[in-house]
């Protein structure tokens, strides 16, 4: 049975070669793969940056050597981490 959910996560890294990002969230231990095609409302052309906070719809279908994959990612500019904050 496939598990899925929605949570907030943090972008760990963007991979230009694979066209996607690794996102870390409590519900997706070990990381979640987010293909550029599932990123919504992006003003940066579908590219995320390390440290960026996102809303993540995930499933436990493996992708890019990770146990989880994203089905929708929405950057959350209202929740961005700041230095010292």
N, C-alpha and C. Protein backbone atom coordinates (compact mmCIF):
# COMPACT_ATOMS: atom_id res chain seq x y z
N UNK A 1 0.84 -1.18 0.00
CA UNK A 1 0.00 0.00 0.00
C UNK A 1 0.89 1.25 0.00
N UNK A 2 0.62 2.14 -0.89
CA UNK A 2 1.40 3.36 -1.02
C UNK A 2 0.99 4.37 0.04
N UNK A 3 2.00 4.96 0.69
CA UNK A 3 1.76 6.02 1.65
C UNK A 3 2.02 7.36 0.99
N UNK A 4 1.33 8.40 1.47
CA UNK A 4 1.54 9.74 0.93
C UNK A 4 1.10 10.75 1.99
N UNK A 5 1.44 12.01 1.74
CA UNK A 5 1.05 13.05 2.68
C UNK A 5 1.48 14.42 2.20
N UNK A 6 1.20 15.41 3.03
CA UNK A 6 1.58 16.79 2.77
C UNK A 6 2.30 17.31 4.00
N UNK A 7 3.41 18.01 3.80
CA UNK A 7 4.19 18.53 4.91
C UNK A 7 5.03 19.71 4.44
N UNK A 8 5.70 20.34 5.37
CA UNK A 8 6.69 21.36 5.02
C UNK A 8 8.06 20.70 5.02
N UNK A 9 8.91 21.12 4.08
CA UNK A 9 10.25 20.57 3.98
C UNK A 9 11.25 21.65 3.63
N UNK A 10 12.51 21.27 3.66
CA UNK A 10 13.60 22.17 3.32
C UNK A 10 14.41 21.57 2.17
N UNK A 11 14.70 22.39 1.18
CA UNK A 11 15.50 21.94 0.04
C UNK A 11 16.94 21.74 0.52
N UNK A 12 17.46 20.55 0.27
CA UNK A 12 18.84 20.23 0.64
C UNK A 12 19.79 20.61 -0.49
N UNK A 13 19.40 20.28 -1.73
CA UNK A 13 20.24 20.65 -2.88
C UNK A 13 19.42 20.59 -4.17
N UNK A 14 19.84 21.40 -5.13
CA UNK A 14 19.28 21.38 -6.47
C UNK A 14 20.27 20.66 -7.36
N UNK A 15 19.79 19.76 -8.21
CA UNK A 15 20.64 18.99 -9.11
C UNK A 15 20.31 19.39 -10.55
N UNK A 16 21.14 20.24 -11.14
CA UNK A 16 20.92 20.69 -12.52
C UNK A 16 20.93 19.53 -13.51
N UNK A 17 21.83 18.58 -13.32
CA UNK A 17 21.96 17.47 -14.26
C UNK A 17 20.70 16.61 -14.31
N UNK A 18 20.05 16.43 -13.18
CA UNK A 18 18.84 15.59 -13.11
C UNK A 18 17.56 16.41 -13.17
N UNK A 19 17.68 17.73 -13.07
CA UNK A 19 16.50 18.60 -13.16
C UNK A 19 15.54 18.46 -12.01
N UNK A 20 16.07 18.50 -10.80
CA UNK A 20 15.22 18.39 -9.64
C UNK A 20 15.97 18.66 -8.36
N UNK A 21 15.29 18.45 -7.23
CA UNK A 21 15.86 18.77 -5.92
C UNK A 21 15.65 17.63 -4.94
N UNK A 22 16.51 17.59 -3.94
CA UNK A 22 16.32 16.71 -2.80
C UNK A 22 15.76 17.58 -1.68
N UNK A 23 14.62 17.15 -1.13
CA UNK A 23 13.95 17.89 -0.07
C UNK A 23 13.91 17.01 1.18
N UNK A 24 14.21 17.63 2.32
CA UNK A 24 14.20 16.92 3.59
C UNK A 24 12.96 17.33 4.39
N UNK A 25 12.29 16.33 4.95
CA UNK A 25 11.13 16.57 5.81
C UNK A 25 11.05 15.44 6.83
N UNK A 26 10.45 15.69 7.96
CA UNK A 26 10.32 14.67 9.00
C UNK A 26 9.63 13.42 8.47
N UNK A 27 8.61 13.61 7.64
CA UNK A 27 7.83 12.48 7.12
C UNK A 27 8.53 11.71 6.00
N UNK A 28 9.65 12.25 5.48
CA UNK A 28 10.36 11.59 4.38
C UNK A 28 11.83 11.39 4.77
N UNK A 29 12.09 10.52 5.76
CA UNK A 29 13.46 10.31 6.22
C UNK A 29 14.38 9.84 5.08
N UNK A 30 15.54 10.45 4.98
CA UNK A 30 16.49 10.11 3.93
C UNK A 30 16.33 10.98 2.70
N UNK A 31 15.30 11.80 2.64
CA UNK A 31 15.11 12.73 1.54
C UNK A 31 14.02 12.31 0.56
N UNK A 32 13.53 13.30 -0.15
CA UNK A 32 12.46 13.13 -1.13
C UNK A 32 12.91 13.78 -2.44
N UNK A 33 12.76 13.08 -3.55
CA UNK A 33 13.12 13.63 -4.85
C UNK A 33 11.96 14.46 -5.39
N UNK A 34 12.27 15.68 -5.86
CA UNK A 34 11.26 16.55 -6.45
C UNK A 34 11.72 16.94 -7.85
N UNK A 35 11.10 16.37 -8.85
CA UNK A 35 11.40 16.72 -10.23
C UNK A 35 10.93 18.15 -10.50
N UNK A 36 11.64 18.87 -11.35
CA UNK A 36 11.29 20.26 -11.66
C UNK A 36 9.85 20.38 -12.16
N UNK A 37 9.31 19.35 -12.78
CA UNK A 37 7.97 19.41 -13.35
C UNK A 37 6.87 19.48 -12.30
N UNK A 38 7.17 19.17 -11.03
CA UNK A 38 6.14 19.20 -9.99
C UNK A 38 6.20 20.48 -9.15
N UNK A 39 7.09 21.41 -9.49
CA UNK A 39 7.23 22.66 -8.74
C UNK A 39 6.22 23.67 -9.25
N UNK A 40 5.36 24.17 -8.34
CA UNK A 40 4.33 25.14 -8.71
C UNK A 40 4.69 26.54 -8.23
N UNK A 41 4.09 27.53 -8.86
CA UNK A 41 4.23 28.93 -8.43
C UNK A 41 5.68 29.36 -8.29
N UNK A 42 6.52 28.90 -9.17
CA UNK A 42 7.94 29.25 -9.07
C UNK A 42 8.25 30.44 -9.96
N UNK A 43 8.84 31.46 -9.37
CA UNK A 43 9.26 32.63 -10.14
C UNK A 43 10.68 32.45 -10.67
N UNK A 44 11.29 31.31 -10.35
CA UNK A 44 12.67 31.08 -10.74
C UNK A 44 12.79 30.03 -11.84
N UNK A 45 11.75 29.82 -12.61
CA UNK A 45 11.81 28.88 -13.72
C UNK A 45 11.87 27.42 -13.31
N UNK A 46 11.27 27.07 -12.18
CA UNK A 46 11.25 25.68 -11.76
C UNK A 46 12.50 25.23 -11.05
N UNK A 47 13.30 26.16 -10.56
CA UNK A 47 14.53 25.83 -9.85
C UNK A 47 14.38 26.22 -8.39
N UNK A 48 14.76 25.31 -7.50
CA UNK A 48 14.75 25.59 -6.07
C UNK A 48 16.18 25.79 -5.60
N UNK A 49 16.34 26.40 -4.43
CA UNK A 49 17.69 26.62 -3.89
C UNK A 49 17.81 25.98 -2.51
N UNK A 50 19.01 25.59 -2.16
CA UNK A 50 19.27 24.98 -0.85
C UNK A 50 18.83 25.93 0.26
N UNK A 51 18.16 25.39 1.25
CA UNK A 51 17.68 26.17 2.38
C UNK A 51 16.27 26.70 2.22
N UNK A 52 15.73 26.59 1.02
CA UNK A 52 14.39 27.10 0.74
C UNK A 52 13.34 26.21 1.41
N UNK A 53 12.33 26.83 2.03
CA UNK A 53 11.22 26.09 2.64
C UNK A 53 10.13 25.90 1.60
N UNK A 54 9.59 24.68 1.54
CA UNK A 54 8.55 24.36 0.56
C UNK A 54 7.44 23.56 1.21
N UNK A 55 6.25 23.66 0.63
CA UNK A 55 5.15 22.75 0.97
C UNK A 55 5.29 21.57 0.02
N UNK A 56 5.23 20.37 0.57
CA UNK A 56 5.57 19.17 -0.18
C UNK A 56 4.45 18.15 -0.10
N UNK A 57 3.91 17.74 -1.26
CA UNK A 57 3.02 16.58 -1.34
C UNK A 57 3.90 15.43 -1.79
N UNK A 58 3.97 14.38 -1.00
CA UNK A 58 4.91 13.29 -1.26
C UNK A 58 4.21 11.94 -1.30
N UNK A 59 4.94 10.98 -1.85
CA UNK A 59 4.49 9.59 -1.87
C UNK A 59 5.71 8.71 -1.63
N UNK A 60 5.49 7.48 -1.18
CA UNK A 60 6.63 6.60 -0.93
C UNK A 60 7.04 5.78 -2.15
N UNK A 61 6.76 6.30 -3.32
CA UNK A 61 7.25 5.70 -4.56
C UNK A 61 8.69 6.18 -4.76
N UNK A 62 9.67 5.26 -4.83
CA UNK A 62 11.08 5.67 -4.95
C UNK A 62 11.37 6.44 -6.25
N UNK A 63 12.35 7.36 -6.15
CA UNK A 63 12.81 8.10 -7.33
C UNK A 63 14.24 8.58 -7.08
N UNK A 64 15.08 8.50 -8.10
CA UNK A 64 16.46 9.00 -8.05
C UNK A 64 17.20 8.50 -6.80
N UNK A 65 17.11 7.21 -6.52
CA UNK A 65 17.80 6.56 -5.39
C UNK A 65 17.31 7.02 -4.02
N UNK A 66 16.15 7.65 -3.94
CA UNK A 66 15.54 8.05 -2.68
C UNK A 66 14.24 7.28 -2.49
N UNK A 67 13.85 7.06 -1.25
CA UNK A 67 12.66 6.25 -0.95
C UNK A 67 11.35 6.98 -1.20
N UNK A 68 11.41 8.32 -1.37
CA UNK A 68 10.20 9.12 -1.54
C UNK A 68 10.31 10.01 -2.77
N UNK A 69 9.15 10.36 -3.34
CA UNK A 69 9.12 11.30 -4.47
C UNK A 69 8.00 12.31 -4.25
N UNK A 70 8.22 13.50 -4.77
CA UNK A 70 7.23 14.57 -4.64
C UNK A 70 6.26 14.53 -5.80
N UNK A 71 4.99 14.83 -5.52
CA UNK A 71 3.99 14.95 -6.57
C UNK A 71 3.58 16.40 -6.77
N UNK A 72 3.93 17.25 -5.77
CA UNK A 72 3.68 18.70 -5.87
C UNK A 72 4.57 19.41 -4.87
N UNK A 73 5.20 20.49 -5.32
CA UNK A 73 6.05 21.31 -4.45
C UNK A 73 5.68 22.77 -4.66
N UNK A 74 5.41 23.47 -3.56
CA UNK A 74 5.08 24.89 -3.63
C UNK A 74 6.07 25.66 -2.74
N UNK A 75 6.92 26.50 -3.33
CA UNK A 75 7.82 27.32 -2.52
C UNK A 75 7.01 28.20 -1.57
N UNK A 76 7.46 28.33 -0.32
CA UNK A 76 6.76 29.11 0.69
C UNK A 76 7.62 30.30 1.09
N UNK A 77 7.48 31.40 0.40
CA UNK A 77 8.28 32.59 0.69
C UNK A 77 7.94 33.18 2.05
N UNK A 78 6.76 32.86 2.60
CA UNK A 78 6.38 33.38 3.91
C UNK A 78 7.04 32.63 5.06
N UNK A 79 7.73 31.53 4.76
CA UNK A 79 8.35 30.72 5.81
C UNK A 79 9.85 30.55 5.61
N UNK A 80 10.50 31.42 4.87
CA UNK A 80 11.91 31.23 4.57
C UNK A 80 12.77 31.45 5.81
N UNK A 81 13.75 30.58 5.94
CA UNK A 81 14.70 30.70 7.04
C UNK A 81 15.62 31.90 6.80
N UNK A 82 16.00 32.53 7.89
CA UNK A 82 16.93 33.65 7.78
C UNK A 82 18.12 33.39 8.68
N UNK A 83 19.23 33.99 8.38
CA UNK A 83 20.43 33.83 9.18
C UNK A 83 20.14 34.33 10.58
N UNK A 84 20.44 33.49 11.56
CA UNK A 84 20.21 33.85 12.95
C UNK A 84 18.77 33.78 13.39
N UNK A 85 17.87 33.34 12.49
CA UNK A 85 16.45 33.31 12.82
C UNK A 85 15.94 31.97 12.87
